[in-house]
């Protein structure tokens, strides 16, 4: 299993996965199919998916939001963890990638819990606000185009309830955040959101070095 946790030695990561990750055939096959596409690096690691599912259960979440679906691994983990009658609104622009997600959601028996909306995420988020969904989500996960992270974070703050969680992925960005020579738009956007959330008095937060770095922000 490819090491995904930033700064953790491969043998120690393998030990962690071997002793704690509760894997199953559906999750395993979804990971393998995603790797075969050549874009496996975009997929959430199994330990991070399990961690997100635990957070979902810890807060008793019933309504979840995901910005950026890809092949559906994180949404599968979260949808399984939602309380009875729970639902997940999943936002993406790719019919190709989410077609893979749909197959595995159906096989796992959670397809009916997931409302997939294919459109630019900012438009979909504004649409949710217009529908009166402000303050209605228990947990949101942001893992889409990095240049728009600030927009997604601000919309999530509107849509998530007080005491709800906003999870932001890729906040360590493969170590590029501390490479001053990297001034690419994506890297600069990640640095900006990290500094913003770190100083944001609207949330309680912590950055966790799981996967490529995960910020957990609790709306005050």
C-alpha atoms as a PDB file:
ATOM      1  CA  UNK A   1       0.000   0.000   0.000  1.00  0.00           C
ATOM      2  CA  UNK A   2       1.464   3.352  -1.054  1.00  0.00           C
ATOM      3  CA  UNK A   3       2.549   5.608   1.797  1.00  0.00           C
ATOM      4  CA  UNK A   4       0.243   8.608   1.972  1.00  0.00           C
ATOM      5  CA  UNK A   5       0.841  10.136   5.394  1.00  0.00           C
ATOM      6  CA  UNK A   6       3.206  13.108   5.258  1.00  0.00           C
ATOM      7  CA  UNK A   7       6.538  12.630   7.021  1.00  0.00           C
ATOM      8  CA  UNK A   8       5.814   9.119   8.273  1.00  0.00           C
ATOM      9  CA  UNK A   9       8.343   6.397   7.439  1.00  0.00           C
ATOM     10  CA  UNK A  10       6.993   3.796   5.028  1.00  0.00           C
ATOM     11  CA  UNK A  11       7.478   0.866   7.400  1.00  0.00           C
ATOM     12  CA  UNK A  12       5.724   2.709  10.217  1.00  0.00           C
ATOM     13  CA  UNK A  13       2.863   3.693   7.917  1.00  0.00           C
ATOM     14  CA  UNK A  14       2.518   0.084   6.765  1.00  0.00           C
ATOM     15  CA  UNK A  15       2.370  -1.011  10.403  1.00  0.00           C
ATOM     16  CA  UNK A  16      -0.353   1.534  11.154  1.00  0.00           C
ATOM     17  CA  UNK A  17      -2.418   0.409   8.179  1.00  0.00           C
ATOM     18  CA  UNK A  18      -1.890  -3.272   8.917  1.00  0.00           C
ATOM     19  CA  UNK A  19      -2.988  -2.998  12.544  1.00  0.00           C
ATOM     20  CA  UNK A  20      -5.768  -0.400  12.390  1.00  0.00           C
ATOM     21  CA  UNK A  21      -7.332   0.017   8.944  1.00  0.00           C
ATOM     22  CA  UNK A  22     -10.574  -1.959   8.682  1.00  0.00           C
ATOM     23  CA  UNK A  23     -10.579  -2.640   4.973  1.00  0.00           C
ATOM     24  CA  UNK A  24     -13.096  -4.510   2.841  1.00  0.00           C
ATOM     25  CA  UNK A  25     -13.395  -5.779  -0.695  1.00  0.00           C
ATOM     26  CA  UNK A  26     -15.376  -2.827  -2.052  1.00  0.00           C
ATOM     27  CA  UNK A  27     -12.956  -0.220  -0.741  1.00  0.00           C
ATOM     28  CA  UNK A  28      -9.973  -2.249  -1.887  1.00  0.00           C
ATOM     29  CA  UNK A  29     -11.298  -2.704  -5.409  1.00  0.00           C
ATOM     30  CA  UNK A  30     -12.178   0.979  -5.702  1.00  0.00           C
ATOM     31  CA  UNK A  31      -8.634   1.929  -4.715  1.00  0.00           C
ATOM     32  CA  UNK A  32      -7.170  -0.553  -7.186  1.00  0.00           C
ATOM     33  CA  UNK A  33      -9.341   0.624 -10.070  1.00  0.00           C
ATOM     34  CA  UNK A  34      -8.465   4.235  -9.315  1.00  0.00           C
ATOM     35  CA  UNK A  35      -4.747   3.442  -9.311  1.00  0.00           C
ATOM     36  CA  UNK A  36      -5.150   1.776 -12.707  1.00  0.00           C
ATOM     37  CA  UNK A  37      -6.443   5.060 -14.154  1.00  0.00           C
ATOM     38  CA  UNK A  38      -3.019   6.581 -13.551  1.00  0.00           C
ATOM     39  CA  UNK A  39      -4.431   9.171 -11.140  1.00  0.00           C
ATOM     40  CA  UNK A  40      -4.287   7.197  -7.918  1.00  0.00           C
ATOM     41  CA  UNK A  41      -2.396   9.997  -6.182  1.00  0.00           C
ATOM     42  CA  UNK A  42      -5.629  12.003  -6.144  1.00  0.00           C
ATOM     43  CA  UNK A  43      -7.432   9.374  -4.051  1.00  0.00           C
ATOM     44  CA  UNK A  44      -7.850   9.632  -0.295  1.00  0.00           C
ATOM     45  CA  UNK A  45      -5.693   7.101   1.552  1.00  0.00           C
ATOM     46  CA  UNK A  46      -7.485   4.250   3.391  1.00  0.00           C
ATOM     47  CA  UNK A  47      -6.448   5.477   6.846  1.00  0.00           C
ATOM     48  CA  UNK A  48      -7.720   8.973   6.053  1.00  0.00           C
ATOM     49  CA  UNK A  49     -11.023   7.604   4.777  1.00  0.00           C
ATOM     50  CA  UNK A  50     -11.448   5.654   7.998  1.00  0.00           C
ATOM     51  CA  UNK A  51     -10.534   8.737  10.042  1.00  0.00           C
ATOM     52  CA  UNK A  52     -13.138  10.812   8.218  1.00  0.00           C
ATOM     53  CA  UNK A  53     -15.748   8.131   8.825  1.00  0.00           C
ATOM     54  CA  UNK A  54     -14.883   8.177  12.533  1.00  0.00           C
ATOM     55  CA  UNK A  55     -15.271  11.964  12.689  1.00  0.00           C
ATOM     56  CA  UNK A  56     -18.632  11.613  10.940  1.00  0.00           C
ATOM     57  CA  UNK A  57     -19.797   9.125  13.543  1.00  0.00           C
ATOM     58  CA  UNK A  58     -18.346  11.088  16.472  1.00  0.00           C
ATOM     59  CA  UNK A  59     -20.527  14.106  15.745  1.00  0.00           C
ATOM     60  CA  UNK A  60     -23.555  12.001  14.827  1.00  0.00           C
ATOM     61  CA  UNK A  61     -23.647  13.510  11.346  1.00  0.00           C
ATOM     62  CA  UNK A  62     -26.715  12.978   9.190  1.00  0.00           C
ATOM     63  CA  UNK A  63     -26.117  15.624   6.532  1.00  0.00           C
ATOM     64  CA  UNK A  64     -22.767  15.774   4.764  1.00  0.00           C
ATOM     65  CA  UNK A  65     -21.311  17.851   1.960  1.00  0.00           C
ATOM     66  CA  UNK A  66     -18.386  16.983  -0.294  1.00  0.00           C
ATOM     67  CA  UNK A  67     -16.664  19.390  -2.675  1.00  0.00           C
ATOM     68  CA  UNK A  68     -14.686  17.253  -5.104  1.00  0.00           C
ATOM     69  CA  UNK A  69     -15.682  13.609  -5.576  1.00  0.00           C
ATOM     70  CA  UNK A  70     -13.175  12.080  -8.016  1.00  0.00           C
ATOM     71  CA  UNK A  71     -13.832   8.289  -7.962  1.00  0.00           C
ATOM     72  CA  UNK A  72     -15.843   8.421  -4.769  1.00  0.00           C
ATOM     73  CA  UNK A  73     -13.641   6.869  -2.076  1.00  0.00           C
ATOM     74  CA  UNK A  74     -14.099   9.561   0.576  1.00  0.00           C
ATOM     75  CA  UNK A  75     -17.803   9.928  -0.149  1.00  0.00           C
ATOM     76  CA  UNK A  76     -18.238   6.172   0.200  1.00  0.00           C
ATOM     77  CA  UNK A  77     -16.503   6.228   3.589  1.00  0.00           C
ATOM     78  CA  UNK A  78     -18.575   9.158   4.841  1.00  0.00           C
ATOM     79  CA  UNK A  79     -21.903   7.956   3.424  1.00  0.00           C
ATOM     80  CA  UNK A  80     -21.509   4.636   5.208  1.00  0.00           C
ATOM     81  CA  UNK A  81     -20.884   6.475   8.480  1.00  0.00           C
ATOM     82  CA  UNK A  82     -23.918   8.755   8.369  1.00  0.00           C
ATOM     83  CA  UNK A  83     -26.725   8.266  10.836  1.00  0.00           C
ATOM     84  CA  UNK A  84     -30.051   6.712   9.886  1.00  0.00           C
ATOM     85  CA  UNK A  85     -31.743   8.676   7.135  1.00  0.00           C
ATOM     86  CA  UNK A  86     -28.519  10.521   6.397  1.00  0.00           C
ATOM     87  CA  UNK A  87     -27.620  12.076   3.079  1.00  0.00           C
ATOM     88  CA  UNK A  88     -24.521  13.423   1.351  1.00  0.00           C
ATOM     89  CA  UNK A  89     -24.509  16.142  -1.287  1.00  0.00           C
ATOM     90  CA  UNK A  90     -21.508  15.462  -3.552  1.00  0.00           C
ATOM     91  CA  UNK A  91     -20.233  18.144  -5.936  1.00  0.00           C
ATOM     92  CA  UNK A  92     -18.024  17.556  -8.963  1.00  0.00           C
ATOM     93  CA  UNK A  93     -17.695  18.454 -12.646  1.00  0.00           C
ATOM     94  CA  UNK A  94     -16.521  15.145 -14.104  1.00  0.00           C
ATOM     95  CA  UNK A  95     -19.004  12.638 -15.465  1.00  0.00           C
ATOM     96  CA  UNK A  96     -16.104  10.296 -16.272  1.00  0.00           C
ATOM     97  CA  UNK A  97     -14.645  10.045 -12.766  1.00  0.00           C
ATOM     98  CA  UNK A  98     -17.965  10.078 -10.925  1.00  0.00           C
ATOM     99  CA  UNK A  99     -19.238   7.243 -13.129  1.00  0.00           C
ATOM    100  CA  UNK A 100     -16.717   5.064 -11.300  1.00  0.00           C
ATOM    101  CA  UNK A 101     -17.953   6.453  -7.991  1.00  0.00           C
ATOM    102  CA  UNK A 102     -21.583   5.690  -8.846  1.00  0.00           C
ATOM    103  CA  UNK A 103     -20.806   2.017  -9.495  1.00  0.00           C
ATOM    104  CA  UNK A 104     -19.168   1.537  -6.124  1.00  0.00           C
ATOM    105  CA  UNK A 105     -21.773   3.577  -4.245  1.00  0.00           C
ATOM    106  CA  UNK A 106     -24.430   1.304  -5.718  1.00  0.00           C
ATOM    107  CA  UNK A 107     -22.523  -1.847  -4.859  1.00  0.00           C
ATOM    108  CA  UNK A 108     -22.028  -0.625  -1.282  1.00  0.00           C
ATOM    109  CA  UNK A 109     -25.727   0.160  -0.931  1.00  0.00           C
ATOM    110  CA  UNK A 110     -25.287   3.886  -0.293  1.00  0.00           C
ATOM    111  CA  UNK A 111     -26.209   5.318  -3.710  1.00  0.00           C
ATOM    112  CA  UNK A 112     -29.615   6.428  -2.442  1.00  0.00           C
ATOM    113  CA  UNK A 113     -27.890   8.497   0.256  1.00  0.00           C
ATOM    114  CA  UNK A 114     -25.799  10.499  -2.213  1.00  0.00           C
ATOM    115  CA  UNK A 115     -27.063  13.478  -4.199  1.00  0.00           C
ATOM    116  CA  UNK A 116     -24.434  13.973  -6.923  1.00  0.00           C
ATOM    117  CA  UNK A 117     -24.481  17.395  -8.573  1.00  0.00           C
ATOM    118  CA  UNK A 118     -22.346  17.851 -11.684  1.00  0.00           C
ATOM    119  CA  UNK A 119     -21.601  21.544 -12.109  1.00  0.00           C
ATOM    120  CA  UNK A 120     -18.900  24.017 -11.038  1.00  0.00           C
ATOM    121  CA  UNK A 121     -18.757  23.676  -7.252  1.00  0.00           C
ATOM    122  CA  UNK A 122     -19.141  27.392  -6.510  1.00  0.00           C
ATOM    123  CA  UNK A 123     -22.411  27.406  -8.471  1.00  0.00           C
ATOM    124  CA  UNK A 124     -23.664  24.298  -6.674  1.00  0.00           C
ATOM    125  CA  UNK A 125     -22.736  25.741  -3.274  1.00  0.00           C
ATOM    126  CA  UNK A 126     -24.551  28.981  -4.056  1.00  0.00           C
ATOM    127  CA  UNK A 127     -27.482  26.865  -5.180  1.00  0.00           C
ATOM    128  CA  UNK A 128     -27.566  25.084  -1.831  1.00  0.00           C
ATOM    129  CA  UNK A 129     -27.635  28.428  -0.037  1.00  0.00           C
ATOM    130  CA  UNK A 130     -30.488  29.557  -2.302  1.00  0.00           C
ATOM    131  CA  UNK A 131     -32.353  26.332  -1.453  1.00  0.00           C
ATOM    132  CA  UNK A 132     -32.297  27.329   2.214  1.00  0.00           C
ATOM    133  CA  UNK A 133     -29.642  24.812   3.248  1.00  0.00           C
ATOM    134  CA  UNK A 134     -27.565  27.315   5.254  1.00  0.00           C
ATOM    135  CA  UNK A 135     -26.624  25.824   8.619  1.00  0.00           C
ATOM    136  CA  UNK A 136     -28.043  22.426   7.689  1.00  0.00           C
ATOM    137  CA  UNK A 137     -24.887  20.351   7.155  1.00  0.00           C
ATOM    138  CA  UNK A 138     -23.051  18.562   9.952  1.00  0.00           C
ATOM    139  CA  UNK A 139     -19.792  17.977   8.092  1.00  0.00           C
ATOM    140  CA  UNK A 140     -18.179  19.191   4.877  1.00  0.00           C
ATOM    141  CA  UNK A 141     -15.105  17.921   3.054  1.00  0.00           C
ATOM    142  CA  UNK A 142     -13.193  20.142   0.621  1.00  0.00           C
ATOM    143  CA  UNK A 143     -10.940  18.347  -1.872  1.00  0.00           C
ATOM    144  CA  UNK A 144     -11.258  20.045  -5.247  1.00  0.00           C
ATOM    145  CA  UNK A 145      -9.376  22.646  -7.314  1.00  0.00           C
ATOM    146  CA  UNK A 146      -7.022  24.394  -4.938  1.00  0.00           C
ATOM    147  CA  UNK A 147      -7.318  27.908  -6.374  1.00  0.00           C
ATOM    148  CA  UNK A 148     -10.942  28.026  -5.231  1.00  0.00           C
ATOM    149  CA  UNK A 149     -10.370  26.654  -1.729  1.00  0.00           C
ATOM    150  CA  UNK A 150     -11.080  30.032  -0.158  1.00  0.00           C
ATOM    151  CA  UNK A 151     -14.435  30.251  -1.941  1.00  0.00           C
ATOM    152  CA  UNK A 152     -15.352  26.704  -0.921  1.00  0.00           C
ATOM    153  CA  UNK A 153     -14.328  27.339   2.687  1.00  0.00           C
ATOM    154  CA  UNK A 154     -16.439  30.488   2.926  1.00  0.00           C
ATOM    155  CA  UNK A 155     -19.477  28.752   1.448  1.00  0.00           C
ATOM    156  CA  UNK A 156     -18.967  25.781   3.768  1.00  0.00           C
ATOM    157  CA  UNK A 157     -18.990  28.129   6.754  1.00  0.00           C
ATOM    158  CA  UNK A 158     -22.435  29.278   5.650  1.00  0.00           C
ATOM    159  CA  UNK A 159     -23.764  25.793   4.985  1.00  0.00           C
ATOM    160  CA  UNK A 160     -22.373  23.953   8.035  1.00  0.00           C
ATOM    161  CA  UNK A 161     -24.182  24.258  11.350  1.00  0.00           C
ATOM    162  CA  UNK A 162     -22.679  25.644  14.526  1.00  0.00           C
ATOM    163  CA  UNK A 163     -20.549  22.864  16.000  1.00  0.00           C
ATOM    164  CA  UNK A 164     -20.227  21.180  12.608  1.00  0.00           C
ATOM    165  CA  UNK A 165     -16.951  20.260  10.947  1.00  0.00           C
ATOM    166  CA  UNK A 166     -15.194  21.445   7.807  1.00  0.00           C
ATOM    167  CA  UNK A 167     -12.391  19.164   6.582  1.00  0.00           C
ATOM    168  CA  UNK A 168      -9.852  20.596   4.131  1.00  0.00           C
ATOM    169  CA  UNK A 169      -7.598  18.173   2.260  1.00  0.00           C
ATOM    170  CA  UNK A 170      -4.069  18.500   0.823  1.00  0.00           C
ATOM    171  CA  UNK A 171      -3.041  21.262   3.224  1.00  0.00           C
ATOM    172  CA  UNK A 172       0.601  20.081   3.252  1.00  0.00           C
ATOM    173  CA  UNK A 173       0.611  19.745  -0.542  1.00  0.00           C
ATOM    174  CA  UNK A 174       3.427  17.241  -0.690  1.00  0.00           C
ATOM    175  CA  UNK A 175       5.697  19.569   1.260  1.00  0.00           C
ATOM    176  CA  UNK A 176       5.437  22.341  -1.354  1.00  0.00           C
ATOM    177  CA  UNK A 177       3.931  24.712   1.204  1.00  0.00           C
ATOM    178  CA  UNK A 178       7.405  25.228   2.714  1.00  0.00           C
ATOM    179  CA  UNK A 179       9.233  25.443  -0.612  1.00  0.00           C
ATOM    180  CA  UNK A 180       9.646  29.172  -1.221  1.00  0.00           C
ATOM    181  CA  UNK A 181      10.668  28.523  -4.816  1.00  0.00           C
ATOM    182  CA  UNK A 182       7.213  27.109  -5.560  1.00  0.00           C
ATOM    183  CA  UNK A 183       4.993  30.071  -6.360  1.00  0.00           C
ATOM    184  CA  UNK A 184       2.453  28.169  -8.452  1.00  0.00           C
ATOM    185  CA  UNK A 185      -1.193  29.192  -8.146  1.00  0.00           C
ATOM    186  CA  UNK A 186      -2.206  25.963  -6.400  1.00  0.00           C
ATOM    187  CA  UNK A 187       0.596  26.119  -3.849  1.00  0.00           C
ATOM    188  CA  UNK A 188      -0.043  29.773  -3.094  1.00  0.00           C
ATOM    189  CA  UNK A 189      -3.745  29.020  -2.643  1.00  0.00           C
ATOM    190  CA  UNK A 190      -2.966  26.246  -0.166  1.00  0.00           C
ATOM    191  CA  UNK A 191      -0.620  28.511   1.795  1.00  0.00           C
ATOM    192  CA  UNK A 192      -3.279  31.231   1.868  1.00  0.00           C
ATOM    193  CA  UNK A 193      -6.059  28.966   3.141  1.00  0.00           C
ATOM    194  CA  UNK A 194      -3.758  27.470   5.780  1.00  0.00           C
ATOM    195  CA  UNK A 195      -2.885  30.909   7.121  1.00  0.00           C
ATOM    196  CA  UNK A 196      -6.489  32.063   6.932  1.00  0.00           C
ATOM    197  CA  UNK A 197      -7.984  29.097   8.775  1.00  0.00           C
ATOM    198  CA  UNK A 198      -5.162  29.106  11.307  1.00  0.00           C
ATOM    199  CA  UNK A 199      -6.094  32.664  12.308  1.00  0.00           C
ATOM    200  CA  UNK A 200      -9.872  32.417  11.768  1.00  0.00           C
ATOM    201  CA  UNK A 201     -11.754  33.189  14.991  1.00  0.00           C
ATOM    202  CA  UNK A 202     -14.938  31.734  13.502  1.00  0.00           C
ATOM    203  CA  UNK A 203     -13.605  28.214  14.001  1.00  0.00           C
ATOM    204  CA  UNK A 204     -11.651  25.965  16.325  1.00  0.00           C
ATOM    205  CA  UNK A 205      -9.120  24.074  14.258  1.00  0.00           C
ATOM    206  CA  UNK A 206      -6.219  21.678  14.040  1.00  0.00           C
ATOM    207  CA  UNK A 207      -4.066  20.500  11.161  1.00  0.00           C
ATOM    208  CA  UNK A 208      -3.460  16.741  11.179  1.00  0.00           C
ATOM    209  CA  UNK A 209      -0.633  15.108   9.171  1.00  0.00           C
ATOM    210  CA  UNK A 210      -2.773  12.338   7.757  1.00  0.00           C
ATOM    211  CA  UNK A 211      -2.599  11.744   4.030  1.00  0.00           C
ATOM    212  CA  UNK A 212      -1.387  14.942   2.374  1.00  0.00           C
ATOM    213  CA  UNK A 213      -2.418  16.961   5.410  1.00  0.00           C
ATOM    214  CA  UNK A 214      -5.980  17.453   6.687  1.00  0.00           C
ATOM    215  CA  UNK A 215      -7.284  20.539   8.466  1.00  0.00           C
ATOM    216  CA  UNK A 216     -10.242  20.012  10.771  1.00  0.00           C
ATOM    217  CA  UNK A 217     -12.206  23.174  11.531  1.00  0.00           C
ATOM    218  CA  UNK A 218     -15.169  23.271  13.939  1.00  0.00           C
ATOM    219  CA  UNK A 219     -17.590  26.117  13.335  1.00  0.00           C
ATOM    220  CA  UNK A 220     -18.071  28.105  16.520  1.00  0.00           C
END
